[in-house]
Amino acid sequence: MSDHLLAGFGKTDITPQTDGTFKVLDPIYFRALHLKQGEKQVTFLSADLFQLDDDFKDLVAKKVTDIEIDGDWILQASSHLGTAPIFFNHYMVQPTESLRHYDKVEFYAEAAAQAIRLAYRDVS
């Protein structure tokens, strides 16, 4: 008999606060799915963003050392396909190199880590 597949879910809100120059119509979240079967574990991290780069994944992995997961098994994906209008300096895209001057990388990394922690703790 094999071990049961366990799953947990988590999400954190990363909807930007606007200054009134544009409007965010739908909330934006980091969502995490943590799967565990026996000793094997994997975490899927996603958000409705254009890109999640490798540096971001490494930063998030360092933030979740308080739980027993392997940072190499955080598999991230962005789901935005670029079908919305883009106003580069005003559109909330994601923590990529081009937006790091806004000093939000730590905020996004902690939000992603929190979604992963929630999913990890929700496993059942």
PDB file of N, CA and C in Angstrom:
ATOM      1  N   MET A   1       0.836  -1.176   0.000  1.00  0.00           N
ATOM      2  CA  MET A   1       0.000   0.000   0.000  1.00  0.00           C
ATOM      3  C   MET A   1       0.884   1.244   0.000  1.00  0.00           C
ATOM      4  N   SER A   2       0.595   2.184  -0.872  1.00  0.00           N
ATOM      5  CA  SER A   2       1.416   3.390  -0.966  1.00  0.00           C
ATOM      6  C   SER A   2       0.892   4.478  -0.031  1.00  0.00           C
ATOM      7  N   ASP A   3       1.744   5.447   0.214  1.00  0.00           N
ATOM      8  CA  ASP A   3       1.350   6.584   1.048  1.00  0.00           C
ATOM      9  C   ASP A   3       0.288   7.410   0.329  1.00  0.00           C
ATOM     10  N   HIS A   4      -0.577   7.998   1.110  1.00  0.00           N
ATOM     11  CA  HIS A   4      -1.609   8.864   0.547  1.00  0.00           C
ATOM     12  C   HIS A   4      -0.992  10.179   0.069  1.00  0.00           C
ATOM     13  N   LEU A   5      -1.581  10.745  -0.944  1.00  0.00           N
ATOM     14  CA  LEU A   5      -1.172  12.061  -1.415  1.00  0.00           C
ATOM     15  C   LEU A   5      -1.895  13.107  -0.590  1.00  0.00           C
ATOM     16  N   LEU A   6      -1.142  13.981   0.050  1.00  0.00           N
ATOM     17  CA  LEU A   6      -1.698  15.043   0.886  1.00  0.00           C
ATOM     18  C   LEU A   6      -1.514  16.370   0.171  1.00  0.00           C
ATOM     19  N   ALA A   7      -2.457  17.284   0.373  1.00  0.00           N
ATOM     20  CA  ALA A   7      -2.388  18.587  -0.291  1.00  0.00           C
ATOM     21  C   ALA A   7      -2.764  19.688   0.679  1.00  0.00           C
ATOM     22  N   GLY A   8      -2.148  20.845   0.491  1.00  0.00           N
ATOM     23  CA  GLY A   8      -2.481  22.031   1.265  1.00  0.00           C
ATOM     24  C   GLY A   8      -2.451  23.251   0.363  1.00  0.00           C
ATOM     25  N   PHE A   9      -3.265  24.230   0.698  1.00  0.00           N
ATOM     26  CA  PHE A   9      -3.402  25.422  -0.130  1.00  0.00           C
ATOM     27  C   PHE A   9      -3.168  26.672   0.702  1.00  0.00           C
ATOM     28  N   GLY A  10      -2.618  27.696   0.070  1.00  0.00           N
ATOM     29  CA  GLY A  10      -2.428  28.979   0.731  1.00  0.00           C
ATOM     30  C   GLY A  10      -2.467  30.105  -0.281  1.00  0.00           C
ATOM     31  N   LYS A  11      -2.854  31.289   0.161  1.00  0.00           N
ATOM     32  CA  LYS A  11      -2.808  32.454  -0.720  1.00  0.00           C
ATOM     33  C   LYS A  11      -2.582  33.700   0.106  1.00  0.00           C
ATOM     34  N   THR A  12      -1.912  34.673  -0.496  1.00  0.00           N
ATOM     35  CA  THR A  12      -1.707  35.980   0.124  1.00  0.00           C
ATOM     36  C   THR A  12      -2.021  37.052  -0.911  1.00  0.00           C
ATOM     37  N   ASP A  13      -2.629  38.100  -0.440  1.00  0.00           N
ATOM     38  CA  ASP A  13      -3.057  39.210  -1.298  1.00  0.00           C
ATOM     39  C   ASP A  13      -1.869  40.129  -1.587  1.00  0.00           C
ATOM     40  N   ILE A  14      -1.595  40.374  -2.855  1.00  0.00           N
ATOM     41  CA  ILE A  14      -0.531  41.296  -3.249  1.00  0.00           C
ATOM     42  C   ILE A  14      -1.092  42.408  -4.141  1.00  0.00           C
ATOM     43  N   THR A  15      -2.388  42.658  -4.030  1.00  0.00           N
ATOM     44  CA  THR A  15      -3.011  43.717  -4.820  1.00  0.00           C
ATOM     45  C   THR A  15      -2.382  45.051  -4.432  1.00  0.00           C
ATOM     46  N   PRO A  16      -1.852  45.795  -5.393  1.00  0.00           N
ATOM     47  CA  PRO A  16      -1.187  47.055  -5.042  1.00  0.00           C
ATOM     48  C   PRO A  16      -2.174  48.128  -4.621  1.00  0.00           C
ATOM     49  N   GLN A  17      -1.713  48.966  -3.719  1.00  0.00           N
ATOM     50  CA  GLN A  17      -2.461  50.171  -3.370  1.00  0.00           C
ATOM     51  C   GLN A  17      -2.151  51.200  -4.445  1.00  0.00           C
ATOM     52  N   THR A  18      -3.141  51.849  -4.973  1.00  0.00           N
ATOM     53  CA  THR A  18      -2.903  52.788  -6.061  1.00  0.00           C
ATOM     54  C   THR A  18      -2.946  54.225  -5.555  1.00  0.00           C
ATOM     55  N   ASP A  19      -2.384  55.094  -6.353  1.00  0.00           N
ATOM     56  CA  ASP A  19      -2.394  56.523  -6.012  1.00  0.00           C
ATOM     57  C   ASP A  19      -3.511  57.258  -6.743  1.00  0.00           C
ATOM     58  N   GLY A  20      -4.411  56.502  -7.348  1.00  0.00           N
ATOM     59  CA  GLY A  20      -5.532  57.106  -8.056  1.00  0.00           C
ATOM     60  C   GLY A  20      -5.294  57.314  -9.544  1.00  0.00           C
ATOM     61  N   THR A  21      -4.067  57.073 -10.015  1.00  0.00           N
ATOM     62  CA  THR A  21      -3.801  57.257 -11.443  1.00  0.00           C
ATOM     63  C   THR A  21      -4.273  56.068 -12.271  1.00  0.00           C
ATOM     64  N   PHE A  22      -4.498  54.938 -11.625  1.00  0.00           N
ATOM     65  CA  PHE A  22      -5.052  53.770 -12.293  1.00  0.00           C
ATOM     66  C   PHE A  22      -5.837  52.969 -11.277  1.00  0.00           C
ATOM     67  N   LYS A  23      -6.604  52.016 -11.754  1.00  0.00           N
ATOM     68  CA  LYS A  23      -7.465  51.230 -10.886  1.00  0.00           C
ATOM     69  C   LYS A  23      -7.173  49.747 -11.078  1.00  0.00           C
ATOM     70  N   VAL A  24      -7.084  49.019  -9.998  1.00  0.00           N
ATOM     71  CA  VAL A  24      -6.929  47.570 -10.049  1.00  0.00           C
ATOM     72  C   VAL A  24      -8.322  46.976  -9.903  1.00  0.00           C
ATOM     73  N   LEU A  25      -8.773  46.246 -10.919  1.00  0.00           N
ATOM     74  CA  LEU A  25     -10.142  45.746 -10.927  1.00  0.00           C
ATOM     75  C   LEU A  25     -10.326  44.434 -10.176  1.00  0.00           C
ATOM     76  N   ASP A  26      -9.303  43.611 -10.154  1.00  0.00           N
ATOM     77  CA  ASP A  26      -9.398  42.307  -9.495  1.00  0.00           C
ATOM     78  C   ASP A  26      -8.238  42.150  -8.523  1.00  0.00           C
ATOM     79  N   PRO A  27      -8.476  41.503  -7.394  1.00  0.00           N
ATOM     80  CA  PRO A  27      -7.370  41.264  -6.464  1.00  0.00           C
ATOM     81  C   PRO A  27      -6.319  40.357  -7.098  1.00  0.00           C
ATOM     82  N   ILE A  28      -5.084  40.542  -6.661  1.00  0.00           N
ATOM     83  CA  ILE A  28      -3.968  39.743  -7.158  1.00  0.00           C
ATOM     84  C   ILE A  28      -3.390  38.996  -5.957  1.00  0.00           C
ATOM     85  N   TYR A  29      -3.170  37.705  -6.131  1.00  0.00           N
ATOM     86  CA  TYR A  29      -2.695  36.862  -5.037  1.00  0.00           C
ATOM     87  C   TYR A  29      -1.476  36.057  -5.453  1.00  0.00           C
ATOM     88  N   PHE A  30      -0.646  35.721  -4.479  1.00  0.00           N
ATOM     89  CA  PHE A  30       0.230  34.572  -4.621  1.00  0.00           C
ATOM     90  C   PHE A  30      -0.590  33.399  -4.135  1.00  0.00           C
ATOM     91  N   ARG A  31      -0.581  32.310  -4.872  1.00  0.00           N
ATOM     92  CA  ARG A  31      -1.272  31.086  -4.480  1.00  0.00           C
ATOM     93  C   ARG A  31      -0.253  29.954  -4.444  1.00  0.00           C
ATOM     94  N   ALA A  32      -0.367  29.126  -3.433  1.00  0.00           N
ATOM     95  CA  ALA A  32       0.558  28.007  -3.286  1.00  0.00           C
ATOM     96  C   ALA A  32      -0.232  26.720  -3.100  1.00  0.00           C
ATOM     97  N   LEU A  33       0.269  25.678  -3.701  1.00  0.00           N
ATOM     98  CA  LEU A  33      -0.240  24.318  -3.533  1.00  0.00           C
ATOM     99  C   LEU A  33       0.940  23.475  -3.078  1.00  0.00           C
ATOM    100  N   HIS A  34       0.827  22.872  -1.905  1.00  0.00           N
ATOM    101  CA  HIS A  34       1.892  22.016  -1.391  1.00  0.00           C
ATOM    102  C   HIS A  34       1.393  20.577  -1.423  1.00  0.00           C
ATOM    103  N   LEU A  35       2.156  19.723  -2.072  1.00  0.00           N
ATOM    104  CA  LEU A  35       1.822  18.301  -2.162  1.00  0.00           C
ATOM    105  C   LEU A  35       2.868  17.489  -1.423  1.00  0.00           C
ATOM    106  N   LYS A  36       2.394  16.471  -0.717  1.00  0.00           N
ATOM    107  CA  LYS A  36       3.300  15.602   0.036  1.00  0.00           C
ATOM    108  C   LYS A  36       2.809  14.170  -0.085  1.00  0.00           C
ATOM    109  N   GLN A  37       3.750  13.290  -0.358  1.00  0.00           N
ATOM    110  CA  GLN A  37       3.452  11.859  -0.379  1.00  0.00           C
ATOM    111  C   GLN A  37       4.652  11.151   0.228  1.00  0.00           C
ATOM    112  N   GLY A  38       4.446  10.601   1.415  1.00  0.00           N
ATOM    113  CA  GLY A  38       5.573  10.007   2.140  1.00  0.00           C
ATOM    114  C   GLY A  38       6.593  11.084   2.460  1.00  0.00           C
ATOM    115  N   GLU A  39       7.828  10.863   2.059  1.00  0.00           N
ATOM    116  CA  GLU A  39       8.900  11.837   2.290  1.00  0.00           C
ATOM    117  C   GLU A  39       9.045  12.831   1.147  1.00  0.00           C
ATOM    118  N   LYS A  40       8.318  12.634   0.065  1.00  0.00           N
ATOM    119  CA  LYS A  40       8.437  13.512  -1.103  1.00  0.00           C
ATOM    120  C   LYS A  40       7.483  14.698  -0.986  1.00  0.00           C
ATOM    121  N   GLN A  41       7.995  15.886  -1.325  1.00  0.00           N
ATOM    122  CA  GLN A  41       7.193  17.103  -1.249  1.00  0.00           C
ATOM    123  C   GLN A  41       7.508  18.007  -2.440  1.00  0.00           C
ATOM    124  N   VAL A  42       6.516  18.755  -2.857  1.00  0.00           N
ATOM    125  CA  VAL A  42       6.702  19.764  -3.896  1.00  0.00           C
ATOM    126  C   VAL A  42       5.716  20.894  -3.626  1.00  0.00           C
ATOM    127  N   THR A  43       6.127  22.112  -3.917  1.00  0.00           N
ATOM    128  CA  THR A  43       5.255  23.270  -3.743  1.00  0.00           C
ATOM    129  C   THR A  43       5.151  24.009  -5.058  1.00  0.00           C
ATOM    130  N   PHE A  44       3.930  24.274  -5.485  1.00  0.00           N
ATOM    131  CA  PHE A  44       3.678  25.078  -6.679  1.00  0.00           C
ATOM    132  C   PHE A  44       3.291  26.479  -6.204  1.00  0.00           C
ATOM    133  N   LEU A  45       3.959  27.488  -6.747  1.00  0.00           N
ATOM    134  CA  LEU A  45       3.702  28.880  -6.404  1.00  0.00           C
ATOM    135  C   LEU A  45       3.319  29.614  -7.675  1.00  0.00           C
ATOM    136  N   SER A  46       2.190  30.317  -7.645  1.00  0.00           N
ATOM    137  CA  SER A  46       1.780  31.041  -8.846  1.00  0.00           C
ATOM    138  C   SER A  46       1.189  32.391  -8.472  1.00  0.00           C
ATOM    139  N   ALA A  47       1.139  33.257  -9.461  1.00  0.00           N
ATOM    140  CA  ALA A  47       0.499  34.563  -9.307  1.00  0.00           C
ATOM    141  C   ALA A  47       0.132  35.069 -10.692  1.00  0.00           C
ATOM    142  N   ASP A  48      -0.845  35.946 -10.749  1.00  0.00           N
ATOM    143  CA  ASP A  48      -1.247  36.546 -12.017  1.00  0.00           C
ATOM    144  C   ASP A  48      -0.300  37.703 -12.324  1.00  0.00           C
ATOM    145  N   LEU A  49       0.927  37.333 -12.634  1.00  0.00           N
ATOM    146  CA  LEU A  49       1.993  38.274 -12.912  1.00  0.00           C
ATOM    147  C   LEU A  49       2.641  37.885 -14.241  1.00  0.00           C
ATOM    148  N   PHE A  50       3.464  38.745 -14.770  1.00  0.00           N
ATOM    149  CA  PHE A  50       4.100  38.455 -16.052  1.00  0.00           C
ATOM    150  C   PHE A  50       5.277  37.511 -15.937  1.00  0.00           C
ATOM    151  N   GLN A  51       6.011  37.584 -14.842  1.00  0.00           N
ATOM    152  CA  GLN A  51       7.217  36.777 -14.746  1.00  0.00           C
ATOM    153  C   GLN A  51       7.634  36.638 -13.295  1.00  0.00           C
ATOM    154  N   LEU A  52       8.144  35.476 -12.952  1.00  0.00           N
ATOM    155  CA  LEU A  52       8.797  35.242 -11.668  1.00  0.00           C
ATOM    156  C   LEU A  52      10.175  34.691 -12.015  1.00  0.00           C
ATOM    157  N   ASP A  53      11.221  35.463 -11.750  1.00  0.00           N
ATOM    158  CA  ASP A  53      12.549  35.044 -12.190  1.00  0.00           C
ATOM    159  C   ASP A  53      13.241  34.159 -11.153  1.00  0.00           C
ATOM    160  N   ASP A  54      14.380  33.580 -11.547  1.00  0.00           N
ATOM    161  CA  ASP A  54      15.105  32.653 -10.677  1.00  0.00           C
ATOM    162  C   ASP A  54      15.630  33.332  -9.418  1.00  0.00           C
ATOM    163  N   ASP A  55      16.049  34.589  -9.526  1.00  0.00           N
ATOM    164  CA  ASP A  55      16.511  35.304  -8.337  1.00  0.00           C
ATOM    165  C   ASP A  55      15.390  35.426  -7.314  1.00  0.00           C
ATOM    166  N   PHE A  56      14.178  35.639  -7.809  1.00  0.00           N
ATOM    167  CA  PHE A  56      13.033  35.737  -6.904  1.00  0.00           C
ATOM    168  C   PHE A  56      12.788  34.403  -6.211  1.00  0.00           C
ATOM    169  N   LYS A  57      12.855  33.325  -6.960  1.00  0.00           N
ATOM    170  CA  LYS A  57      12.659  31.993  -6.371  1.00  0.00           C
ATOM    171  C   LYS A  57      13.691  31.737  -5.278  1.00  0.00           C
ATOM    172  N   ASP A  58      14.940  32.102  -5.535  1.00  0.00           N
ATOM    173  CA  ASP A  58      15.995  31.905  -4.538  1.00  0.00           C
ATOM    174  C   ASP A  58      15.720  32.720  -3.273  1.00  0.00           C
ATOM    175  N   LEU A  59      15.246  33.938  -3.440  1.00  0.00           N
ATOM    176  CA  LEU A  59      14.925  34.789  -2.292  1.00  0.00           C
ATOM    177  C   LEU A  59      13.781  34.189  -1.475  1.00  0.00           C
ATOM    178  N   VAL A  60      12.757  33.696  -2.155  1.00  0.00           N
ATOM    179  CA  VAL A  60      11.628  33.071  -1.463  1.00  0.00           C
ATOM    180  C   VAL A  60      12.095  31.812  -0.718  1.00  0.00           C
ATOM    181  N   ALA A  61      12.930  31.005  -1.367  1.00  0.00           N
ATOM    182  CA  ALA A  61      13.427  29.772  -0.730  1.00  0.00           C
ATOM    183  C   ALA A  61      14.170  30.096   0.570  1.00  0.00           C
ATOM    184  N   LYS A  62      14.920  31.190   0.595  1.00  0.00           N
ATOM    185  CA  LYS A  62      15.632  31.585   1.821  1.00  0.00           C
ATOM    186  C   LYS A  62      14.672  32.020   2.915  1.00  0.00           C
ATOM    187  N   LYS A  63      13.496  32.488   2.534  1.00  0.00           N
ATOM    188  CA  LYS A  63      12.521  32.975   3.511  1.00  0.00           C
ATOM    189  C   LYS A  63      11.684  31.851   4.126  1.00  0.00           C
ATOM    190  N   VAL A  64      11.718  30.656   3.555  1.00  0.00           N
ATOM    191  CA  VAL A  64      10.905  29.554   4.087  1.00  0.00           C
ATOM    192  C   VAL A  64      11.762  28.472   4.751  1.00  0.00           C
ATOM    193  N   THR A  65      12.912  28.869   5.241  1.00  0.00           N
ATOM    194  CA  THR A  65      13.756  27.892   5.937  1.00  0.00           C
ATOM    195  C   THR A  65      13.189  27.508   7.301  1.00  0.00           C
ATOM    196  N   ASP A  66      12.124  28.193   7.726  1.00  0.00           N
ATOM    197  CA  ASP A  66      11.474  27.866   9.000  1.00  0.00           C
ATOM    198  C   ASP A  66      10.532  26.670   8.884  1.00  0.00           C
ATOM    199  N   ILE A  67      10.306  26.194   7.672  1.00  0.00           N
ATOM    200  CA  ILE A  67       9.487  24.992   7.477  1.00  0.00           C
ATOM    201  C   ILE A  67      10.319  23.959   6.725  1.00  0.00           C
ATOM    202  N   GLU A  68       9.919  22.705   6.831  1.00  0.00           N
ATOM    203  CA  GLU A  68      10.716  21.610   6.278  1.00  0.00           C
ATOM    204  C   GLU A  68      10.376  21.330   4.828  1.00  0.00           C
ATOM    205  N   ILE A  69      10.812  22.249   3.958  1.00  0.00           N
ATOM    206  CA  ILE A  69      10.676  22.010   2.523  1.00  0.00           C
ATOM    207  C   ILE A  69      12.019  22.269   1.864  1.00  0.00           C
ATOM    208  N   ASP A  70      12.202  21.709   0.702  1.00  0.00           N
ATOM    209  CA  ASP A  70      13.406  21.908  -0.095  1.00  0.00           C
ATOM    210  C   ASP A  70      13.117  23.038  -1.078  1.00  0.00           C
ATOM    211  N   GLY A  71      13.833  24.146  -0.956  1.00  0.00           N
ATOM    212  CA  GLY A  71      13.621  25.295  -1.824  1.00  0.00           C
ATOM    213  C   GLY A  71      13.758  24.990  -3.298  1.00  0.00           C
ATOM    214  N   ASP A  72      14.529  23.934  -3.631  1.00  0.00           N
ATOM    215  CA  ASP A  72      14.656  23.545  -5.044  1.00  0.00           C
ATOM    216  C   ASP A  72      13.354  22.971  -5.588  1.00  0.00           C
ATOM    217  N   TRP A  73      12.454  22.575  -4.696  1.00  0.00           N
ATOM    218  CA  TRP A  73      11.183  22.001  -5.109  1.00  0.00           C
ATOM    219  C   TRP A  73      10.025  22.982  -4.958  1.00  0.00           C
ATOM    220  N   ILE A  74      10.354  24.267  -5.006  1.00  0.00           N
ATOM    221  CA  ILE A  74       9.330  25.297  -5.176  1.00  0.00           C
ATOM    222  C   ILE A  74       9.278  25.568  -6.680  1.00  0.00           C
ATOM    223  N   LEU A  75       8.188  25.211  -7.282  1.00  0.00           N
ATOM    224  CA  LEU A  75       8.028  25.379  -8.725  1.00  0.00           C
ATOM    225  C   LEU A  75       7.098  26.557  -8.947  1.00  0.00           C
ATOM    226  N   GLN A  76       7.619  27.602  -9.566  1.00  0.00           N
ATOM    227  CA  GLN A  76       6.842  28.826  -9.704  1.00  0.00           C
ATOM    228  C   GLN A  76       6.367  29.029 -11.141  1.00  0.00           C
ATOM    229  N   ALA A  77       5.240  29.713 -11.234  1.00  0.00           N
ATOM    230  CA  ALA A  77       4.665  30.002 -12.545  1.00  0.00           C
ATOM    231  C   ALA A  77       3.895  31.304 -12.481  1.00  0.00           C
ATOM    232  N   SER A  78       4.008  32.080 -13.524  1.00  0.00           N
ATOM    233  CA  SER A  78       3.195  33.285 -13.643  1.00  0.00           C
ATOM    234  C   SER A  78       2.117  32.989 -14.674  1.00  0.00           C
ATOM    235  N   SER A  79       0.948  33.546 -14.454  1.00  0.00           N
ATOM    236  CA  SER A  79      -0.182  33.166 -15.300  1.00  0.00           C
ATOM    237  C   SER A  79      -0.682  34.286 -16.199  1.00  0.00           C
ATOM    238  N   HIS A  80      -0.092  35.477 -16.093  1.00  0.00           N
ATOM    239  CA  HIS A  80      -0.590  36.584 -16.913  1.00  0.00           C
ATOM    240  C   HIS A  80      -0.019  36.455 -18.318  1.00  0.00           C
ATOM    241  N   LEU A  81      -0.882  36.480 -19.301  1.00  0.00           N
ATOM    242  CA  LEU A  81      -0.456  36.265 -20.677  1.00  0.00           C
ATOM    243  C   LEU A  81      -0.291  37.561 -21.458  1.00  0.00           C
ATOM    244  N   GLY A  82      -0.382  38.679 -20.789  1.00  0.00           N
ATOM    245  CA  GLY A  82      -0.163  39.943 -21.473  1.00  0.00           C
ATOM    246  C   GLY A  82      -1.345  40.398 -22.299  1.00  0.00           C
ATOM    247  N   THR A  83      -2.550  39.998 -21.924  1.00  0.00           N
ATOM    248  CA  THR A  83      -3.720  40.379 -22.706  1.00  0.00           C
ATOM    249  C   THR A  83      -4.365  41.661 -22.207  1.00  0.00           C
ATOM    250  N   ALA A  84      -3.808  42.248 -21.153  1.00  0.00           N
ATOM    251  CA  ALA A  84      -4.347  43.500 -20.614  1.00  0.00           C
ATOM    252  C   ALA A  84      -3.468  44.657 -21.069  1.00  0.00           C
ATOM    253  N   PRO A  85      -4.012  45.876 -21.039  1.00  0.00           N
ATOM    254  CA  PRO A  85      -3.165  47.017 -21.379  1.00  0.00           C
ATOM    255  C   PRO A  85      -2.017  47.157 -20.389  1.00  0.00           C
ATOM    256  N   ILE A  86      -0.883  47.581 -20.853  1.00  0.00           N
ATOM    257  CA  ILE A  86       0.293  47.732 -20.007  1.00  0.00           C
ATOM    258  C   ILE A  86       0.758  49.175 -20.055  1.00  0.00           C
ATOM    259  N   PHE A  87       0.835  49.778 -18.894  1.00  0.00           N
ATOM    260  CA  PHE A  87       1.412  51.105 -18.758  1.00  0.00           C
ATOM    261  C   PHE A  87       2.639  50.899 -17.888  1.00  0.00           C
ATOM    262  N   PHE A  88       3.770  50.737 -18.510  1.00  0.00           N
ATOM    263  CA  PHE A  88       4.967  50.202 -17.872  1.00  0.00           C
ATOM    264  C   PHE A  88       5.235  50.788 -16.493  1.00  0.00           C
ATOM    265  N   ASN A  89       5.223  52.087 -16.356  1.00  0.00           N
ATOM    266  CA  ASN A  89       5.590  52.671 -15.069  1.00  0.00           C
ATOM    267  C   ASN A  89       4.462  52.660 -14.056  1.00  0.00           C
ATOM    268  N   HIS A  90       3.261  52.311 -14.466  1.00  0.00           N
ATOM    269  CA  HIS A  90       2.123  52.343 -13.548  1.00  0.00           C
ATOM    270  C   HIS A  90       1.465  50.985 -13.354  1.00  0.00           C
ATOM    271  N   TYR A  91       1.703  50.071 -14.245  1.00  0.00           N
ATOM    272  CA  TYR A  91       1.026  48.783 -14.171  1.00  0.00           C
ATOM    273  C   TYR A  91       1.764  47.872 -13.204  1.00  0.00           C
ATOM    274  N   MET A  92       1.080  47.288 -12.242  1.00  0.00           N
ATOM    275  CA  MET A  92       1.672  46.385 -11.287  1.00  0.00           C
ATOM    276  C   MET A  92       1.966  45.087 -12.008  1.00  0.00           C
ATOM    277  N   VAL A  93       3.232  44.819 -12.246  1.00  0.00           N
ATOM    278  CA  VAL A  93       3.550  43.576 -12.924  1.00  0.00           C
ATOM    279  C   VAL A  93       4.049  42.528 -11.945  1.00  0.00           C
ATOM    280  N   GLN A  94       5.235  42.637 -11.429  1.00  0.00           N
ATOM    281  CA  GLN A  94       5.774  41.621 -10.538  1.00  0.00           C
ATOM    282  C   GLN A  94       7.198  41.938 -10.154  1.00  0.00           C
ATOM    283  N   PRO A  95       7.759  41.131  -9.258  1.00  0.00           N
ATOM    284  CA  PRO A  95       9.128  41.387  -8.823  1.00  0.00           C
ATOM    285  C   PRO A  95      10.153  40.917  -9.842  1.00  0.00           C
ATOM    286  N   THR A  96      10.375  41.669 -10.866  1.00  0.00           N
ATOM    287  CA  THR A  96      11.403  41.343 -11.848  1.00  0.00           C
ATOM    288  C   THR A  96      12.454  42.437 -11.823  1.00  0.00           C
ATOM    289  N   GLU A  97      13.539  42.202 -12.497  1.00  0.00           N
ATOM    290  CA  GLU A  97      14.656  43.146 -12.525  1.00  0.00           C
ATOM    291  C   GLU A  97      14.205  44.552 -12.885  1.00  0.00           C
ATOM    292  N   SER A  98      13.276  44.656 -13.815  1.00  0.00           N
ATOM    293  CA  SER A  98      12.860  45.978 -14.293  1.00  0.00           C
ATOM    294  C   SER A  98      12.103  46.790 -13.248  1.00  0.00           C
ATOM    295  N   LEU A  99      11.581  46.145 -12.199  1.00  0.00           N
ATOM    296  CA  LEU A  99      10.825  46.883 -11.185  1.00  0.00           C
ATOM    297  C   LEU A  99      11.534  46.972  -9.840  1.00  0.00           C
ATOM    298  N   ARG A 100      12.728  46.496  -9.745  1.00  0.00           N
ATOM    299  CA  ARG A 100      13.403  46.463  -8.446  1.00  0.00           C
ATOM    300  C   ARG A 100      13.671  47.849  -7.888  1.00  0.00           C
ATOM    301  N   HIS A 101      13.696  48.850  -8.724  1.00  0.00           N
ATOM    302  CA  HIS A 101      13.920  50.197  -8.199  1.00  0.00           C
ATOM    303  C   HIS A 101      12.729  50.682  -7.377  1.00  0.00           C
ATOM    304  N   TYR A 102      11.610  49.979  -7.423  1.00  0.00           N
ATOM    305  CA  TYR A 102      10.466  50.339  -6.589  1.00  0.00           C
ATOM    306  C   TYR A 102      10.568  49.755  -5.188  1.00  0.00           C
ATOM    307  N   ASP A 103      11.620  49.018  -4.924  1.00  0.00           N
ATOM    308  CA  ASP A 103      11.866  48.453  -3.587  1.00  0.00           C
ATOM    309  C   ASP A 103      10.728  47.581  -3.072  1.00  0.00           C
ATOM    310  N   LYS A 104      10.146  46.776  -3.918  1.00  0.00           N
ATOM    311  CA  LYS A 104       9.054  45.896  -3.502  1.00  0.00           C
ATOM    312  C   LYS A 104       9.449  44.421  -3.515  1.00  0.00           C
ATOM    313  N   VAL A 105      10.665  44.083  -3.867  1.00  0.00           N
ATOM    314  CA  VAL A 105      11.058  42.678  -3.968  1.00  0.00           C
ATOM    315  C   VAL A 105      10.894  41.960  -2.629  1.00  0.00           C
ATOM    316  N   GLU A 106      11.335  42.569  -1.544  1.00  0.00           N
ATOM    317  CA  GLU A 106      11.201  41.938  -0.226  1.00  0.00           C
ATOM    318  C   GLU A 106       9.734  41.736   0.136  1.00  0.00           C
ATOM    319  N   PHE A 107       8.906  42.710  -0.172  1.00  0.00           N
ATOM    320  CA  PHE A 107       7.466  42.595   0.095  1.00  0.00           C
ATOM    321  C   PHE A 107       6.885  41.393  -0.654  1.00  0.00           C
ATOM    322  N   TYR A 108       7.194  41.279  -1.952  1.00  0.00           N
ATOM    323  CA  TYR A 108       6.669  40.165  -2.746  1.00  0.00           C
ATOM    324  C   TYR A 108       7.225  38.829  -2.261  1.00  0.00           C
ATOM    325  N   ALA A 109       8.510  38.792  -1.950  1.00  0.00           N
ATOM    326  CA  ALA A 109       9.116  37.536  -1.496  1.00  0.00           C
ATOM    327  C   ALA A 109       8.486  37.075  -0.185  1.00  0.00           C
ATOM    328  N   GLU A 110       8.244  38.000   0.726  1.00  0.00           N
ATOM    329  CA  GLU A 110       7.615  37.619   1.990  1.00  0.00           C
ATOM    330  C   GLU A 110       6.171  37.175   1.768  1.00  0.00           C
ATOM    331  N   ALA A 111       5.465  37.842   0.870  1.00  0.00           N
ATOM    332  CA  ALA A 111       4.084  37.436   0.561  1.00  0.00           C
ATOM    333  C   ALA A 111       4.064  36.033  -0.052  1.00  0.00           C
ATOM    334  N   ALA A 112       4.994  35.755  -0.951  1.00  0.00           N
ATOM    335  CA  ALA A 112       5.079  34.422  -1.555  1.00  0.00           C
ATOM    336  C   ALA A 112       5.426  33.384  -0.499  1.00  0.00           C
ATOM    337  N   ALA A 113       6.383  33.716   0.374  1.00  0.00           N
ATOM    338  CA  ALA A 113       6.765  32.795   1.448  1.00  0.00           C
ATOM    339  C   ALA A 113       5.586  32.518   2.371  1.00  0.00           C
ATOM    340  N   GLN A 114       4.804  33.534   2.658  1.00  0.00           N
ATOM    341  CA  GLN A 114       3.635  33.336   3.520  1.00  0.00           C
ATOM    342  C   GLN A 114       2.616  32.403   2.871  1.00  0.00           C
ATOM    343  N   ALA A 115       2.394  32.547   1.567  1.00  0.00           N
ATOM    344  CA  ALA A 115       1.477  31.637   0.868  1.00  0.00           C
ATOM    345  C   ALA A 115       1.984  30.200   0.964  1.00  0.00           C
ATOM    346  N   ILE A 116       3.296  30.022   0.821  1.00  0.00           N
ATOM    347  CA  ILE A 116       3.882  28.686   0.918  1.00  0.00           C
ATOM    348  C   ILE A 116       3.725  28.138   2.336  1.00  0.00           C
ATOM    349  N   ARG A 117       3.989  28.964   3.343  1.00  0.00           N
ATOM    350  CA  ARG A 117       3.816  28.511   4.734  1.00  0.00           C
ATOM    351  C   ARG A 117       2.369  28.097   4.994  1.00  0.00           C
ATOM    352  N   LEU A 118       1.427  28.866   4.517  1.00  0.00           N
ATOM    353  CA  LEU A 118       0.011  28.528   4.705  1.00  0.00           C
ATOM    354  C   LEU A 118      -0.326  27.195   4.052  1.00  0.00           C
ATOM    355  N   ALA A 119       0.168  26.994   2.839  1.00  0.00           N
ATOM    356  CA  ALA A 119      -0.095  25.735   2.126  1.00  0.00           C
ATOM    357  C   ALA A 119       0.555  24.561   2.869  1.00  0.00           C
ATOM    358  N   TYR A 120       1.774  24.747   3.337  1.00  0.00           N
ATOM    359  CA  TYR A 120       2.486  23.711   4.070  1.00  0.00           C
ATOM    360  C   TYR A 120       1.724  23.301   5.330  1.00  0.00           C
ATOM    361  N   ARG A 121       1.228  24.295   6.050  1.00  0.00           N
ATOM    362  CA  ARG A 121       0.493  24.031   7.293  1.00  0.00           C
ATOM    363  C   ARG A 121      -0.903  23.460   7.039  1.00  0.00           C
ATOM    364  N   ASP A 122      -1.420  23.680   5.841  1.00  0.00           N
ATOM    365  CA  ASP A 122      -2.765  23.215   5.500  1.00  0.00           C
ATOM    366  C   ASP A 122      -2.790  21.762   5.006  1.00  0.00           C
ATOM    367  N   VAL A 123      -1.622  21.174   4.796  1.00  0.00           N
ATOM    368  CA  VAL A 123      -1.554  19.819   4.239  1.00  0.00           C
ATOM    369  C   VAL A 123      -2.383  18.844   5.070  1.00  0.00           C
ATOM    370  N   SER A 124      -3.266  18.135   4.375  1.00  0.00           N
ATOM    371  CA  SER A 124      -4.065  17.110   5.051  1.00  0.00           C
ATOM    372  C   SER A 124      -4.488  16.065   4.038  1.00  0.00           C
TER     373      SER A 124
END
